[in-house]
Full PDB file with SEQRES, HELIX, SHEET, SSBOND, CRYST1, ORIGX, SCALE, CONECT and MASTER records, all heavy atoms in Angstrom:
SEQRES   1 A   33  GLY VAL GLU LEU ARG ARG THR LEU THR GLY PHE LYS PHE          
SEQRES   2 A   33  ILE GLY GLU GLN ILE GLY LEU LEU GLU ALA ALA GLY GLN          
SEQRES   3 A   33  LYS ASP ARG TYR ILE PHE GLY                                  
HELIX    1 AA1 PHE A   11  ALA A   23  1                                  13    
HELIX    2 AA2 LYS A   27  ARG A   29  5                                   3    
CRYST1    1.000    1.000    1.000  90.00  90.00  90.00 P 1           1          
ORIGX1      1.000000  0.000000  0.000000        0.00000                         
ORIGX2      0.000000  1.000000  0.000000        0.00000                         
ORIGX3      0.000000  0.000000  1.000000        0.00000                         
SCALE1      1.000000  0.000000  0.000000        0.00000                         
SCALE2      0.000000  1.000000  0.000000        0.00000                         
SCALE3      0.000000  0.000000  1.000000        0.00000                         
ATOM      1  N   GLY A   1       0.790  -1.216   0.000  1.00  0.00           N  
ATOM      2  CA  GLY A   1       0.000   0.000   0.000  1.00  0.00           C  
ATOM      3  C   GLY A   1       0.824   1.268   0.000  1.00  0.00           C  
ATOM      4  O   GLY A   1       0.425   2.290   0.576  1.00  0.00           O  
ATOM      5  N   VAL A   2       1.973   1.219  -0.680  1.00  0.00           N  
ATOM      6  CA  VAL A   2       2.888   2.358  -0.740  1.00  0.00           C  
ATOM      7  C   VAL A   2       2.755   3.045  -2.098  1.00  0.00           C  
ATOM      8  O   VAL A   2       2.748   2.383  -3.142  1.00  0.00           O  
ATOM      9  CB  VAL A   2       4.351   1.897  -0.530  1.00  0.00           C  
ATOM     10  CG1 VAL A   2       5.327   3.055  -0.735  1.00  0.00           C  
ATOM     11  CG2 VAL A   2       4.510   1.300   0.864  1.00  0.00           C  
ATOM     12  N   GLU A   3       2.644   4.354  -2.099  1.00  0.00           N  
ATOM     13  CA  GLU A   3       2.632   5.117  -3.355  1.00  0.00           C  
ATOM     14  C   GLU A   3       4.044   5.142  -3.922  1.00  0.00           C  
ATOM     15  O   GLU A   3       4.984   5.542  -3.238  1.00  0.00           O  
ATOM     16  CB  GLU A   3       2.162   6.550  -3.109  1.00  0.00           C  
ATOM     17  CG  GLU A   3       2.197   7.421  -4.364  1.00  0.00           C  
ATOM     18  CD  GLU A   3       1.959   8.889  -4.091  1.00  0.00           C  
ATOM     19  OE1 GLU A   3       1.497   9.233  -2.974  1.00  0.00           O  
ATOM     20  OE2 GLU A   3       2.249   9.716  -4.987  1.00  0.00           O  
ATOM     21  N   LEU A   4       4.193   4.722  -5.170  1.00  0.00           N  
ATOM     22  CA  LEU A   4       5.503   4.737  -5.821  1.00  0.00           C  
ATOM     23  C   LEU A   4       5.552   5.883  -6.815  1.00  0.00           C  
ATOM     24  O   LEU A   4       4.741   5.960  -7.735  1.00  0.00           O  
ATOM     25  CB  LEU A   4       5.766   3.408  -6.545  1.00  0.00           C  
ATOM     26  CG  LEU A   4       7.109   3.313  -7.284  1.00  0.00           C  
ATOM     27  CD1 LEU A   4       8.274   3.414  -6.305  1.00  0.00           C  
ATOM     28  CD2 LEU A   4       7.191   2.020  -8.089  1.00  0.00           C  
ATOM     29  N   ARG A   5       6.513   6.769  -6.643  1.00  0.00           N  
ATOM     30  CA  ARG A   5       6.721   7.867  -7.568  1.00  0.00           C  
ATOM     31  C   ARG A   5       8.000   7.607  -8.362  1.00  0.00           C  
ATOM     32  O   ARG A   5       9.009   7.185  -7.805  1.00  0.00           O  
ATOM     33  CB  ARG A   5       6.849   9.199  -6.806  1.00  0.00           C  
ATOM     34  CG  ARG A   5       5.617   9.556  -5.997  1.00  0.00           C  
ATOM     35  CD  ARG A   5       5.764  10.912  -5.311  1.00  0.00           C  
ATOM     36  NE  ARG A   5       4.584  11.239  -4.503  1.00  0.00           N  
ATOM     37  CZ  ARG A   5       4.440  12.365  -3.814  1.00  0.00           C  
ATOM     38  NH1 ARG A   5       5.428  13.287  -3.839  1.00  0.00           N  
ATOM     39  NH2 ARG A   5       3.344  12.589  -3.100  1.00  0.00           N  
ATOM     40  N   ARG A   6       7.928   7.880  -9.664  1.00  0.00           N  
ATOM     41  CA  ARG A   6       9.103   7.727 -10.528  1.00  0.00           C  
ATOM     42  C   ARG A   6       9.529   9.092 -11.051  1.00  0.00           C  
ATOM     43  O   ARG A   6       8.704   9.901 -11.443  1.00  0.00           O  
ATOM     44  CB  ARG A   6       8.813   6.767 -11.682  1.00  0.00           C  
ATOM     45  CG  ARG A   6       8.678   5.309 -11.225  1.00  0.00           C  
ATOM     46  CD  ARG A   6       8.655   4.339 -12.391  1.00  0.00           C  
ATOM     47  NE  ARG A   6       8.504   2.971 -11.940  1.00  0.00           N  
ATOM     48  CZ  ARG A   6       9.508   2.148 -11.644  1.00  0.00           C  
ATOM     49  NH1 ARG A   6      10.763   2.572 -11.784  1.00  0.00           N  
ATOM     50  NH2 ARG A   6       9.290   0.913 -11.238  1.00  0.00           N  
ATOM     51  N   THR A   7      10.842   9.295 -11.036  1.00  0.00           N  
ATOM     52  CA  THR A   7      11.411  10.568 -11.467  1.00  0.00           C  
ATOM     53  C   THR A   7      12.354  10.344 -12.644  1.00  0.00           C  
ATOM     54  O   THR A   7      12.639   9.205 -13.030  1.00  0.00           O  
ATOM     55  CB  THR A   7      12.214  11.218 -10.329  1.00  0.00           C  
ATOM     56  OG1 THR A   7      13.423  10.453 -10.111  1.00  0.00           O  
ATOM     57  CG2 THR A   7      11.416  11.250  -9.030  1.00  0.00           C  
ATOM     58  N   LEU A   8      12.863  11.435 -13.184  1.00  0.00           N  
ATOM     59  CA  LEU A   8      13.924  11.324 -14.176  1.00  0.00           C  
ATOM     60  C   LEU A   8      15.185  10.776 -13.511  1.00  0.00           C  
ATOM     61  O   LEU A   8      15.298  10.722 -12.283  1.00  0.00           O  
ATOM     62  CB  LEU A   8      14.215  12.683 -14.799  1.00  0.00           C  
ATOM     63  CG  LEU A   8      13.071  13.332 -15.594  1.00  0.00           C  
ATOM     64  CD1 LEU A   8      13.519  14.676 -16.146  1.00  0.00           C  
ATOM     65  CD2 LEU A   8      12.591  12.423 -16.717  1.00  0.00           C  
ATOM     66  N   THR A   9      16.148  10.361 -14.323  1.00  0.00           N  
ATOM     67  CA  THR A   9      17.388   9.779 -13.821  1.00  0.00           C  
ATOM     68  C   THR A   9      18.198  10.806 -13.046  1.00  0.00           C  
ATOM     69  O   THR A   9      18.396  11.930 -13.499  1.00  0.00           O  
ATOM     70  CB  THR A   9      18.225   9.239 -14.986  1.00  0.00           C  
ATOM     71  OG1 THR A   9      17.412   8.361 -15.760  1.00  0.00           O  
ATOM     72  CG2 THR A   9      19.433   8.487 -14.488  1.00  0.00           C  
ATOM     73  N   GLY A  10      18.680  10.413 -11.880  1.00  0.00           N  
ATOM     74  CA  GLY A  10      19.474  11.299 -11.043  1.00  0.00           C  
ATOM     75  C   GLY A  10      18.858  11.427  -9.665  1.00  0.00           C  
ATOM     76  O   GLY A  10      17.655  11.693  -9.535  1.00  0.00           O  
ATOM     77  N   PHE A  11      19.677  11.253  -8.635  1.00  0.00           N  
ATOM     78  CA  PHE A  11      19.130  11.254  -7.277  1.00  0.00           C  
ATOM     79  C   PHE A  11      18.615  12.625  -6.863  1.00  0.00           C  
ATOM     80  O   PHE A  11      17.791  12.749  -5.957  1.00  0.00           O  
ATOM     81  CB  PHE A  11      20.174  10.765  -6.261  1.00  0.00           C  
ATOM     82  CG  PHE A  11      19.572   9.976  -5.135  1.00  0.00           C  
ATOM     83  CD1 PHE A  11      19.519   8.599  -5.191  1.00  0.00           C  
ATOM     84  CD2 PHE A  11      19.028  10.611  -4.024  1.00  0.00           C  
ATOM     85  CE1 PHE A  11      18.936   7.868  -4.165  1.00  0.00           C  
ATOM     86  CE2 PHE A  11      18.451   9.885  -2.994  1.00  0.00           C  
ATOM     87  CZ  PHE A  11      18.400   8.523  -3.063  1.00  0.00           C  
ATOM     88  N   LYS A  12      19.067  13.677  -7.560  1.00  0.00           N  
ATOM     89  CA  LYS A  12      18.566  15.016  -7.228  1.00  0.00           C  
ATOM     90  C   LYS A  12      17.048  15.093  -7.413  1.00  0.00           C  
ATOM     91  O   LYS A  12      16.368  15.855  -6.707  1.00  0.00           O  
ATOM     92  CB  LYS A  12      19.250  16.079  -8.079  1.00  0.00           C  
ATOM     93  CG  LYS A  12      18.942  15.995  -9.575  1.00  0.00           C  
ATOM     94  CD  LYS A  12      19.660  17.086 -10.345  1.00  0.00           C  
ATOM     95  CE  LYS A  12      19.330  17.021 -11.837  1.00  0.00           C  
ATOM     96  NZ  LYS A  12      20.031  18.101 -12.589  1.00  0.00           N  
ATOM     97  N   PHE A  13      16.524  14.298  -8.341  1.00  0.00           N  
ATOM     98  CA  PHE A  13      15.080  14.313  -8.574  1.00  0.00           C  
ATOM     99  C   PHE A  13      14.335  13.571  -7.462  1.00  0.00           C  
ATOM    100  O   PHE A  13      13.198  13.924  -7.125  1.00  0.00           O  
ATOM    101  CB  PHE A  13      14.749  13.708  -9.935  1.00  0.00           C  
ATOM    102  CG  PHE A  13      15.250  14.532 -11.087  1.00  0.00           C  
ATOM    103  CD1 PHE A  13      16.301  14.089 -11.873  1.00  0.00           C  
ATOM    104  CD2 PHE A  13      14.678  15.759 -11.377  1.00  0.00           C  
ATOM    105  CE1 PHE A  13      16.779  14.848 -12.932  1.00  0.00           C  
ATOM    106  CE2 PHE A  13      15.143  16.532 -12.436  1.00  0.00           C  
ATOM    107  CZ  PHE A  13      16.198  16.076 -13.212  1.00  0.00           C  
ATOM    108  N   ILE A  14      14.977  12.541  -6.895  1.00  0.00           N  
ATOM    109  CA  ILE A  14      14.400  11.875  -5.728  1.00  0.00           C  
ATOM    110  C   ILE A  14      14.408  12.844  -4.552  1.00  0.00           C  
ATOM    111  O   ILE A  14      13.426  12.968  -3.811  1.00  0.00           O  
ATOM    112  CB  ILE A  14      15.173  10.582  -5.396  1.00  0.00           C  
ATOM    113  CG1 ILE A  14      15.055   9.578  -6.554  1.00  0.00           C  
ATOM    114  CG2 ILE A  14      14.666   9.970  -4.084  1.00  0.00           C  
ATOM    115  CD1 ILE A  14      15.862   8.311  -6.370  1.00  0.00           C  
ATOM    116  N   GLY A  15      15.524  13.573  -4.400  1.00  0.00           N  
ATOM    117  CA  GLY A  15      15.599  14.596  -3.362  1.00  0.00           C  
ATOM    118  C   GLY A  15      14.543  15.670  -3.531  1.00  0.00           C  
ATOM    119  O   GLY A  15      13.995  16.188  -2.552  1.00  0.00           O  
ATOM    120  N   GLU A  16      14.238  15.989  -4.777  1.00  0.00           N  
ATOM    121  CA  GLU A  16      13.201  16.985  -5.055  1.00  0.00           C  
ATOM    122  C   GLU A  16      11.847  16.528  -4.523  1.00  0.00           C  
ATOM    123  O   GLU A  16      11.076  17.328  -3.976  1.00  0.00           O  
ATOM    124  CB  GLU A  16      13.125  17.231  -6.556  1.00  0.00           C  
ATOM    125  CG  GLU A  16      12.107  18.273  -6.978  1.00  0.00           C  
ATOM    126  CD  GLU A  16      12.077  18.478  -8.485  1.00  0.00           C  
ATOM    127  OE1 GLU A  16      11.921  17.464  -9.220  1.00  0.00           O  
ATOM    128  OE2 GLU A  16      12.238  19.622  -8.923  1.00  0.00           O  
ATOM    129  N   GLN A  17      11.555  15.236  -4.673  1.00  0.00           N  
ATOM    130  CA  GLN A  17      10.289  14.706  -4.155  1.00  0.00           C  
ATOM    131  C   GLN A  17      10.232  14.793  -2.632  1.00  0.00           C  
ATOM    132  O   GLN A  17       9.174  15.084  -2.056  1.00  0.00           O  
ATOM    133  CB  GLN A  17      10.095  13.258  -4.614  1.00  0.00           C  
ATOM    134  CG  GLN A  17       9.835  13.104  -6.100  1.00  0.00           C  
ATOM    135  CD  GLN A  17       8.550  13.787  -6.530  1.00  0.00           C  
ATOM    136  OE1 GLN A  17       7.508  13.661  -5.883  1.00  0.00           O  
ATOM    137  NE2 GLN A  17       8.615  14.518  -7.633  1.00  0.00           N  
ATOM    138  N   ILE A  18      11.357  14.553  -1.981  1.00  0.00           N  
ATOM    139  CA  ILE A  18      11.409  14.709  -0.521  1.00  0.00           C  
ATOM    140  C   ILE A  18      11.110  16.153  -0.153  1.00  0.00           C  
ATOM    141  O   ILE A  18      10.351  16.442   0.775  1.00  0.00           O  
ATOM    142  CB  ILE A  18      12.789  14.288   0.024  1.00  0.00           C  
ATOM    143  CG1 ILE A  18      13.067  12.817  -0.278  1.00  0.00           C  
ATOM    144  CG2 ILE A  18      12.855  14.526   1.534  1.00  0.00           C  
ATOM    145  CD1 ILE A  18      14.480  12.371   0.070  1.00  0.00           C  
ATOM    146  N   GLY A  19      11.709  17.091  -0.912  1.00  0.00           N  
ATOM    147  CA  GLY A  19      11.479  18.507  -0.664  1.00  0.00           C  
ATOM    148  C   GLY A  19      10.020  18.896  -0.822  1.00  0.00           C  
ATOM    149  O   GLY A  19       9.493  19.708  -0.048  1.00  0.00           O  
ATOM    150  N   LEU A  20       9.363  18.321  -1.823  1.00  0.00           N  
ATOM    151  CA  LEU A  20       7.953  18.618  -2.037  1.00  0.00           C  
ATOM    152  C   LEU A  20       7.098  18.112  -0.882  1.00  0.00           C  
ATOM    153  O   LEU A  20       6.163  18.790  -0.431  1.00  0.00           O  
ATOM    154  CB  LEU A  20       7.481  17.988  -3.352  1.00  0.00           C  
ATOM    155  CG  LEU A  20       8.061  18.593  -4.635  1.00  0.00           C  
ATOM    156  CD1 LEU A  20       7.656  17.761  -5.850  1.00  0.00           C  
ATOM    157  CD2 LEU A  20       7.593  20.041  -4.798  1.00  0.00           C  
ATOM    158  N   LEU A  21       7.412  16.918  -0.389  1.00  0.00           N  
ATOM    159  CA  LEU A  21       6.686  16.384   0.760  1.00  0.00           C  
ATOM    160  C   LEU A  21       6.936  17.240   1.995  1.00  0.00           C  
ATOM    161  O   LEU A  21       6.013  17.522   2.769  1.00  0.00           O  
ATOM    162  CB  LEU A  21       7.106  14.934   1.021  1.00  0.00           C  
ATOM    163  CG  LEU A  21       6.615  13.893   0.008  1.00  0.00           C  
ATOM    164  CD1 LEU A  21       7.318  12.561   0.225  1.00  0.00           C  
ATOM    165  CD2 LEU A  21       5.106  13.711   0.106  1.00  0.00           C  
ATOM    166  N   GLU A  22       8.182  17.668   2.176  1.00  0.00           N  
ATOM    167  CA  GLU A  22       8.526  18.507   3.326  1.00  0.00           C  
ATOM    168  C   GLU A  22       7.784  19.841   3.259  1.00  0.00           C  
ATOM    169  O   GLU A  22       7.261  20.330   4.268  1.00  0.00           O  
ATOM    170  CB  GLU A  22      10.031  18.736   3.368  1.00  0.00           C  
ATOM    171  CG  GLU A  22      10.512  19.485   4.614  1.00  0.00           C  
ATOM    172  CD  GLU A  22      12.014  19.564   4.668  1.00  0.00           C  
ATOM    173  OE1 GLU A  22      12.621  20.062   3.694  1.00  0.00           O  
ATOM    174  OE2 GLU A  22      12.586  19.146   5.691  1.00  0.00           O  
ATOM    175  N   ALA A  23       7.724  20.427   2.065  1.00  0.00           N  
ATOM    176  CA  ALA A  23       7.039  21.711   1.897  1.00  0.00           C  
ATOM    177  C   ALA A  23       5.557  21.598   2.224  1.00  0.00           C  
ATOM    178  O   ALA A  23       4.926  22.570   2.656  1.00  0.00           O  
ATOM    179  CB  ALA A  23       7.228  22.219   0.469  1.00  0.00           C  
ATOM    180  N   ALA A  24       5.014  20.404   2.009  1.00  0.00           N  
ATOM    181  CA  ALA A  24       3.597  20.172   2.306  1.00  0.00           C  
ATOM    182  C   ALA A  24       3.379  19.715   3.750  1.00  0.00           C  
ATOM    183  O   ALA A  24       2.254  19.366   4.130  1.00  0.00           O  
ATOM    184  CB  ALA A  24       3.039  19.131   1.342  1.00  0.00           C  
ATOM    185  N   GLY A  25       4.460  19.693   4.538  1.00  0.00           N  
ATOM    186  CA  GLY A  25       4.367  19.239   5.919  1.00  0.00           C  
ATOM    187  C   GLY A  25       4.170  17.748   6.041  1.00  0.00           C  
ATOM    188  O   GLY A  25       3.614  17.263   7.032  1.00  0.00           O  
ATOM    189  N   GLN A  26       4.654  16.989   5.021  1.00  0.00           N  
ATOM    190  CA  GLN A  26       4.410  15.549   4.981  1.00  0.00           C  
ATOM    191  C   GLN A  26       5.696  14.741   4.790  1.00  0.00           C  
ATOM    192  O   GLN A  26       5.662  13.649   4.235  1.00  0.00           O  
ATOM    193  CB  GLN A  26       3.449  15.226   3.833  1.00  0.00           C  
ATOM    194  CG  GLN A  26       2.106  15.930   3.920  1.00  0.00           C  
ATOM    195  CD  GLN A  26       1.253  15.706   2.686  1.00  0.00           C  
ATOM    196  OE1 GLN A  26       1.720  15.229   1.651  1.00  0.00           O  
ATOM    197  NE2 GLN A  26      -0.024  16.056   2.776  1.00  0.00           N  
ATOM    198  N   LYS A  27       6.833  15.239   5.247  1.00  0.00           N  
ATOM    199  CA  LYS A  27       8.092  14.544   4.975  1.00  0.00           C  
ATOM    200  C   LYS A  27       8.142  13.145   5.595  1.00  0.00           C  
ATOM    201  O   LYS A  27       8.866  12.272   5.116  1.00  0.00           O  
ATOM    202  CB  LYS A  27       9.281  15.373   5.440  1.00  0.00           C  
ATOM    203  CG  LYS A  27       9.467  15.480   6.936  1.00  0.00           C  
ATOM    204  CD  LYS A  27      10.752  16.234   7.258  1.00  0.00           C  
ATOM    205  CE  LYS A  27      10.996  16.286   8.762  1.00  0.00           C  
ATOM    206  NZ  LYS A  27      12.264  16.996   9.085  1.00  0.00           N  
ATOM    207  N   ASP A  28       7.353  12.918   6.652  1.00  0.00           N  
ATOM    208  CA  ASP A  28       7.344  11.593   7.282  1.00  0.00           C  
ATOM    209  C   ASP A  28       6.725  10.532   6.382  1.00  0.00           C  
ATOM    210  O   ASP A  28       6.890   9.334   6.637  1.00  0.00           O  
ATOM    211  CB  ASP A  28       6.601  11.637   8.609  1.00  0.00           C  
ATOM    212  CG  ASP A  28       7.363  12.403   9.685  1.00  0.00           C  
ATOM    213  OD1 ASP A  28       8.577  12.613   9.497  1.00  0.00           O  
ATOM    214  OD2 ASP A  28       6.738  12.799  10.691  1.00  0.00           O  
ATOM    215  N   ARG A  29       6.000  10.952   5.333  1.00  0.00           N  
ATOM    216  CA  ARG A  29       5.426   9.979   4.396  1.00  0.00           C  
ATOM    217  C   ARG A  29       6.523   9.276   3.595  1.00  0.00           C  
ATOM    218  O   ARG A  29       6.335   8.151   3.122  1.00  0.00           O  
ATOM    219  CB  ARG A  29       4.468  10.667   3.426  1.00  0.00           C  
ATOM    220  CG  ARG A  29       3.166  11.161   4.050  1.00  0.00           C  
ATOM    221  CD  ARG A  29       2.318  11.864   2.998  1.00  0.00           C  
ATOM    222  NE  ARG A  29       1.980  10.956   1.902  1.00  0.00           N  
ATOM    223  CZ  ARG A  29       1.559  11.354   0.700  1.00  0.00           C  
ATOM    224  NH1 ARG A  29       1.457  12.647   0.437  1.00  0.00           N  
ATOM    225  NH2 ARG A  29       1.250  10.469  -0.236  1.00  0.00           N  
ATOM    226  N   TYR A  30       7.661   9.922   3.418  1.00  0.00           N  
ATOM    227  CA  TYR A  30       8.756   9.353   2.624  1.00  0.00           C  
ATOM    228  C   TYR A  30       9.430   8.237   3.416  1.00  0.00           C  
ATOM    229  O   TYR A  30       9.897   8.448   4.540  1.00  0.00           O  
ATOM    230  CB  TYR A  30       9.769  10.438   2.286  1.00  0.00           C  
ATOM    231  CG  TYR A  30      11.031   9.919   1.625  1.00  0.00           C  
ATOM    232  CD1 TYR A  30      11.070   9.664   0.256  1.00  0.00           C  
ATOM    233  CD2 TYR A  30      12.178   9.670   2.366  1.00  0.00           C  
ATOM    234  CE1 TYR A  30      12.216   9.184  -0.341  1.00  0.00           C  
ATOM    235  CE2 TYR A  30      13.331   9.187   1.771  1.00  0.00           C  
ATOM    236  CZ  TYR A  30      13.346   8.946   0.421  1.00  0.00           C  
ATOM    237  OH  TYR A  30      14.484   8.465  -0.162  1.00  0.00           O  
ATOM    238  N   ILE A  31       9.480   7.036   2.819  1.00  0.00           N  
ATOM    239  CA  ILE A  31      10.101   5.911   3.534  1.00  0.00           C  
ATOM    240  C   ILE A  31      11.369   5.393   2.863  1.00  0.00           C  
ATOM    241  O   ILE A  31      12.248   4.844   3.530  1.00  0.00           O  
ATOM    242  CB  ILE A  31       9.112   4.741   3.724  1.00  0.00           C  
ATOM    243  CG1 ILE A  31       8.624   4.191   2.371  1.00  0.00           C  
ATOM    244  CG2 ILE A  31       7.935   5.163   4.602  1.00  0.00           C  
ATOM    245  CD1 ILE A  31       7.858   2.881   2.493  1.00  0.00           C  
ATOM    246  N   PHE A  32      11.500   5.579   1.534  1.00  0.00           N  
ATOM    247  CA  PHE A  32      12.694   5.041   0.869  1.00  0.00           C  
ATOM    248  C   PHE A  32      12.773   5.560  -0.551  1.00  0.00           C  
ATOM    249  O   PHE A  32      11.745   5.760  -1.211  1.00  0.00           O  
ATOM    250  CB  PHE A  32      12.650   3.512   0.836  1.00  0.00           C  
ATOM    251  CG  PHE A  32      13.931   2.859   0.388  1.00  0.00           C  
ATOM    252  CD1 PHE A  32      15.134   3.142   1.004  1.00  0.00           C  
ATOM    253  CD2 PHE A  32      13.938   1.942  -0.657  1.00  0.00           C  
ATOM    254  CE1 PHE A  32      16.319   2.537   0.605  1.00  0.00           C  
ATOM    255  CE2 PHE A  32      15.115   1.328  -1.070  1.00  0.00           C  
ATOM    256  CZ  PHE A  32      16.311   1.626  -0.434  1.00  0.00           C  
ATOM    257  N   GLY A  33      13.998   5.779  -1.010  1.00  0.00           N  
ATOM    258  CA  GLY A  33      14.247   6.129  -2.399  1.00  0.00           C  
ATOM    259  C   GLY A  33      15.485   5.404  -2.887  1.00  0.00           C  
ATOM    260  O   GLY A  33      16.439   5.190  -2.126  1.00  0.00           O  
TER     261      GLY A  33                                                      
MASTER        0    0    0    2    0    0    0    6  260    1    0    3          
END                                                                             
């Protein structure tokens, strides 16, 4: 039951998704990249 997000190649894009969750006050939703 985990939402899987796919990004372009490069870990900076995974980091960007963490930033988006953090900006929304939801960084704890991130479990692994």
